[in-house]
């Protein structure tokens, strides 16, 4: 993988476990306020709250999140950490989607968009690569769920 070509010394350090991995700094702890998500049953309400918290968390941890997502495919020690984040994001998507009125295919599409909206890569693409503000990215993702 070309993106990981930081040289053999850096790869070896990563394989042994960087200090932030050993110390649990990667955190995959829910962002502050994560338990509030279920309380917002208005269309898009829980998603709006979740994305505000999560996108703020992504903004603050972007440097490390970019490295961990990049390295997870080639550094075995990163896989459990990334699996933990994936499990947390899946649970967050279920919480945000609970109580929504969509049924059938619409519910399936809405759940897919919620999952997509919660991803780090989605935030990074919209805010960093496409130049949207965090607020605009949140509005767009909420509108996409409603349109699903």
C-alpha atoms as a PDB file:
ATOM      1  CA  UNK A   1       0.000   0.000   0.000  1.00  0.00           C
ATOM      2  CA  UNK A   2       1.718   3.170  -1.174  1.00  0.00           C
ATOM      3  CA  UNK A   3       0.025   5.439   1.369  1.00  0.00           C
ATOM      4  CA  UNK A   4       1.828   3.650   4.196  1.00  0.00           C
ATOM      5  CA  UNK A   5       5.284   4.013   2.709  1.00  0.00           C
ATOM      6  CA  UNK A   6       6.708   5.892   5.705  1.00  0.00           C
ATOM      7  CA  UNK A   7       9.814   3.729   5.622  1.00  0.00           C
ATOM      8  CA  UNK A   8      10.771   0.605   7.560  1.00  0.00           C
ATOM      9  CA  UNK A   9      11.517   2.374  10.857  1.00  0.00           C
ATOM     10  CA  UNK A  10       8.087   3.983  11.111  1.00  0.00           C
ATOM     11  CA  UNK A  11       6.349   0.763  10.060  1.00  0.00           C
ATOM     12  CA  UNK A  12       8.254  -1.164  12.736  1.00  0.00           C
ATOM     13  CA  UNK A  13       7.279   1.385  15.389  1.00  0.00           C
ATOM     14  CA  UNK A  14       3.653   1.141  14.318  1.00  0.00           C
ATOM     15  CA  UNK A  15       3.746  -2.650  14.444  1.00  0.00           C
ATOM     16  CA  UNK A  16       5.062  -2.589  18.017  1.00  0.00           C
ATOM     17  CA  UNK A  17       2.284  -0.204  18.974  1.00  0.00           C
ATOM     18  CA  UNK A  18       2.659   3.527  18.980  1.00  0.00           C
ATOM     19  CA  UNK A  19       2.284   5.286  22.326  1.00  0.00           C
ATOM     20  CA  UNK A  20      -1.210   6.514  21.475  1.00  0.00           C
ATOM     21  CA  UNK A  21      -2.349   2.978  20.738  1.00  0.00           C
ATOM     22  CA  UNK A  22      -0.938   1.545  23.965  1.00  0.00           C
ATOM     23  CA  UNK A  23      -2.321   4.420  25.990  1.00  0.00           C
ATOM     24  CA  UNK A  24      -5.787   4.116  24.464  1.00  0.00           C
ATOM     25  CA  UNK A  25      -5.642   7.651  23.105  1.00  0.00           C
ATOM     26  CA  UNK A  26      -7.322   6.568  19.891  1.00  0.00           C
ATOM     27  CA  UNK A  27     -10.177   6.394  22.254  1.00  0.00           C
ATOM     28  CA  UNK A  28     -13.050   5.071  20.253  1.00  0.00           C
ATOM     29  CA  UNK A  29     -14.917   6.367  23.229  1.00  0.00           C
ATOM     30  CA  UNK A  30     -18.192   7.879  22.156  1.00  0.00           C
ATOM     31  CA  UNK A  31     -18.056  11.627  21.698  1.00  0.00           C
ATOM     32  CA  UNK A  32     -19.418  13.629  24.592  1.00  0.00           C
ATOM     33  CA  UNK A  33     -23.196  13.590  24.635  1.00  0.00           C
ATOM     34  CA  UNK A  34     -23.605  10.358  22.667  1.00  0.00           C
ATOM     35  CA  UNK A  35     -26.389   9.171  24.984  1.00  0.00           C
ATOM     36  CA  UNK A  36     -28.544  12.131  23.896  1.00  0.00           C
ATOM     37  CA  UNK A  37     -28.984  10.766  20.378  1.00  0.00           C
ATOM     38  CA  UNK A  38     -31.946   8.560  21.180  1.00  0.00           C
ATOM     39  CA  UNK A  39     -33.839  11.466  22.753  1.00  0.00           C
ATOM     40  CA  UNK A  40     -34.297  13.342  19.490  1.00  0.00           C
ATOM     41  CA  UNK A  41     -37.113  11.654  17.610  1.00  0.00           C
ATOM     42  CA  UNK A  42     -37.961  14.532  15.280  1.00  0.00           C
ATOM     43  CA  UNK A  43     -37.035  13.739  11.681  1.00  0.00           C
ATOM     44  CA  UNK A  44     -33.317  14.281  11.505  1.00  0.00           C
ATOM     45  CA  UNK A  45     -33.133  15.443  15.138  1.00  0.00           C
ATOM     46  CA  UNK A  46     -31.017  12.599  16.493  1.00  0.00           C
ATOM     47  CA  UNK A  47     -28.859  12.606  13.395  1.00  0.00           C
ATOM     48  CA  UNK A  48     -28.279  16.348  13.635  1.00  0.00           C
ATOM     49  CA  UNK A  49     -27.168  16.029  17.272  1.00  0.00           C
ATOM     50  CA  UNK A  50     -25.038  12.943  16.567  1.00  0.00           C
ATOM     51  CA  UNK A  51     -23.315  14.528  13.587  1.00  0.00           C
ATOM     52  CA  UNK A  52     -22.630  17.745  15.478  1.00  0.00           C
ATOM     53  CA  UNK A  53     -20.893  15.802  18.242  1.00  0.00           C
ATOM     54  CA  UNK A  54     -19.177  13.318  15.958  1.00  0.00           C
ATOM     55  CA  UNK A  55     -18.011  15.808  13.337  1.00  0.00           C
ATOM     56  CA  UNK A  56     -16.552  17.990  16.094  1.00  0.00           C
ATOM     57  CA  UNK A  57     -14.743  14.906  17.412  1.00  0.00           C
ATOM     58  CA  UNK A  58     -13.471  14.118  13.904  1.00  0.00           C
ATOM     59  CA  UNK A  59     -12.246  17.682  13.505  1.00  0.00           C
ATOM     60  CA  UNK A  60     -10.285  17.495  16.748  1.00  0.00           C
ATOM     61  CA  UNK A  61      -8.792  14.083  16.016  1.00  0.00           C
ATOM     62  CA  UNK A  62      -8.428  14.225  12.248  1.00  0.00           C
ATOM     63  CA  UNK A  63      -4.666  13.775  12.164  1.00  0.00           C
ATOM     64  CA  UNK A  64      -4.732  10.569  14.198  1.00  0.00           C
ATOM     65  CA  UNK A  65      -7.947   9.261  12.640  1.00  0.00           C
ATOM     66  CA  UNK A  66      -6.491   9.647   9.165  1.00  0.00           C
ATOM     67  CA  UNK A  67      -3.391   7.696  10.179  1.00  0.00           C
ATOM     68  CA  UNK A  68      -5.282   4.927  11.960  1.00  0.00           C
ATOM     69  CA  UNK A  69      -7.736   4.386   9.124  1.00  0.00           C
ATOM     70  CA  UNK A  70      -4.857   4.381   6.649  1.00  0.00           C
ATOM     71  CA  UNK A  71      -2.712   1.959   8.656  1.00  0.00           C
ATOM     72  CA  UNK A  72      -5.406  -0.471   9.807  1.00  0.00           C
ATOM     73  CA  UNK A  73      -5.123  -2.576   6.670  1.00  0.00           C
ATOM     74  CA  UNK A  74      -1.419  -3.281   7.140  1.00  0.00           C
ATOM     75  CA  UNK A  75      -0.754  -2.994  10.892  1.00  0.00           C
ATOM     76  CA  UNK A  76      -2.309  -5.951  12.682  1.00  0.00           C
ATOM     77  CA  UNK A  77      -2.379  -4.126  16.025  1.00  0.00           C
ATOM     78  CA  UNK A  78      -4.701  -1.492  14.582  1.00  0.00           C
ATOM     79  CA  UNK A  79      -7.429  -3.921  13.551  1.00  0.00           C
ATOM     80  CA  UNK A  80      -8.979  -4.377  17.014  1.00  0.00           C
ATOM     81  CA  UNK A  81      -9.045  -0.614  17.492  1.00  0.00           C
ATOM     82  CA  UNK A  82     -10.713  -0.043  14.141  1.00  0.00           C
ATOM     83  CA  UNK A  83     -13.128  -2.928  14.757  1.00  0.00           C
ATOM     84  CA  UNK A  84     -14.099  -1.194  18.001  1.00  0.00           C
ATOM     85  CA  UNK A  85     -14.784   2.046  16.175  1.00  0.00           C
ATOM     86  CA  UNK A  86     -16.802   0.249  13.484  1.00  0.00           C
ATOM     87  CA  UNK A  87     -18.911  -1.468  16.157  1.00  0.00           C
ATOM     88  CA  UNK A  88     -19.500   1.838  17.925  1.00  0.00           C
ATOM     89  CA  UNK A  89     -20.519   3.554  14.675  1.00  0.00           C
ATOM     90  CA  UNK A  90     -22.920   0.698  13.849  1.00  0.00           C
ATOM     91  CA  UNK A  91     -24.497   0.998  17.300  1.00  0.00           C
ATOM     92  CA  UNK A  92     -24.726   4.783  16.923  1.00  0.00           C
ATOM     93  CA  UNK A  93     -26.471   4.346  13.560  1.00  0.00           C
ATOM     94  CA  UNK A  94     -28.998   1.992  15.161  1.00  0.00           C
ATOM     95  CA  UNK A  95     -29.647   4.450  17.999  1.00  0.00           C
ATOM     96  CA  UNK A  96     -30.046   7.381  15.612  1.00  0.00           C
ATOM     97  CA  UNK A  97     -32.324   5.329  13.348  1.00  0.00           C
ATOM     98  CA  UNK A  98     -34.523   4.043  16.174  1.00  0.00           C
ATOM     99  CA  UNK A  99     -37.969   5.574  16.227  1.00  0.00           C
ATOM    100  CA  UNK A 100     -37.869   6.770  12.636  1.00  0.00           C
ATOM    101  CA  UNK A 101     -41.113   6.281  10.746  1.00  0.00           C
ATOM    102  CA  UNK A 102     -39.735   4.893   7.478  1.00  0.00           C
ATOM    103  CA  UNK A 103     -40.610   1.274   6.638  1.00  0.00           C
ATOM    104  CA  UNK A 104     -39.441  -1.228   4.060  1.00  0.00           C
ATOM    105  CA  UNK A 105     -37.079  -0.058   1.340  1.00  0.00           C
ATOM    106  CA  UNK A 106     -37.200   3.548   2.576  1.00  0.00           C
ATOM    107  CA  UNK A 107     -36.042   2.432   6.020  1.00  0.00           C
ATOM    108  CA  UNK A 108     -33.208   0.427   4.470  1.00  0.00           C
ATOM    109  CA  UNK A 109     -32.095   3.448   2.438  1.00  0.00           C
ATOM    110  CA  UNK A 110     -32.389   5.810   5.413  1.00  0.00           C
ATOM    111  CA  UNK A 111     -30.328   3.440   7.584  1.00  0.00           C
ATOM    112  CA  UNK A 112     -27.663   3.233   4.856  1.00  0.00           C
ATOM    113  CA  UNK A 113     -27.452   7.023   4.609  1.00  0.00           C
ATOM    114  CA  UNK A 114     -27.265   7.368   8.409  1.00  0.00           C
ATOM    115  CA  UNK A 115     -24.367   4.905   8.467  1.00  0.00           C
ATOM    116  CA  UNK A 116     -22.679   6.767   5.627  1.00  0.00           C
ATOM    117  CA  UNK A 117     -23.180  10.135   7.332  1.00  0.00           C
ATOM    118  CA  UNK A 118     -21.518   8.915  10.536  1.00  0.00           C
ATOM    119  CA  UNK A 119     -18.318   7.767   8.806  1.00  0.00           C
ATOM    120  CA  UNK A 120     -15.063   9.679   9.238  1.00  0.00           C
ATOM    121  CA  UNK A 121     -14.422   9.449   5.497  1.00  0.00           C
ATOM    122  CA  UNK A 122     -17.770  11.127   4.763  1.00  0.00           C
ATOM    123  CA  UNK A 123     -16.970  14.037   7.078  1.00  0.00           C
ATOM    124  CA  UNK A 124     -13.478  14.356   5.625  1.00  0.00           C
ATOM    125  CA  UNK A 125     -14.719  14.330   2.046  1.00  0.00           C
ATOM    126  CA  UNK A 126     -17.438  16.913   2.593  1.00  0.00           C
ATOM    127  CA  UNK A 127     -15.563  19.268   4.904  1.00  0.00           C
ATOM    128  CA  UNK A 128     -11.926  18.936   3.899  1.00  0.00           C
ATOM    129  CA  UNK A 129     -12.083  17.945   0.236  1.00  0.00           C
ATOM    130  CA  UNK A 130     -15.316  19.576  -0.934  1.00  0.00           C
ATOM    131  CA  UNK A 131     -15.019  22.695   1.224  1.00  0.00           C
ATOM    132  CA  UNK A 132     -18.346  22.566   3.055  1.00  0.00           C
ATOM    133  CA  UNK A 133     -18.596  23.961   6.552  1.00  0.00           C
ATOM    134  CA  UNK A 134     -19.403  21.471   9.271  1.00  0.00           C
ATOM    135  CA  UNK A 135     -22.897  22.950   9.531  1.00  0.00           C
ATOM    136  CA  UNK A 136     -23.452  22.591   5.760  1.00  0.00           C
ATOM    137  CA  UNK A 137     -22.226  18.976   5.835  1.00  0.00           C
ATOM    138  CA  UNK A 138     -24.667  18.164   8.638  1.00  0.00           C
ATOM    139  CA  UNK A 139     -27.576  19.813   6.820  1.00  0.00           C
ATOM    140  CA  UNK A 140     -26.726  17.918   3.647  1.00  0.00           C
ATOM    141  CA  UNK A 141     -26.577  14.543   5.420  1.00  0.00           C
ATOM    142  CA  UNK A 142     -29.877  15.181   7.222  1.00  0.00           C
ATOM    143  CA  UNK A 143     -31.502  16.185   3.927  1.00  0.00           C
ATOM    144  CA  UNK A 144     -30.142  13.033   2.292  1.00  0.00           C
ATOM    145  CA  UNK A 145     -31.686  10.846   5.009  1.00  0.00           C
ATOM    146  CA  UNK A 146     -35.032  12.617   4.620  1.00  0.00           C
ATOM    147  CA  UNK A 147     -34.856  12.151   0.830  1.00  0.00           C
ATOM    148  CA  UNK A 148     -34.016   8.453   1.154  1.00  0.00           C
END
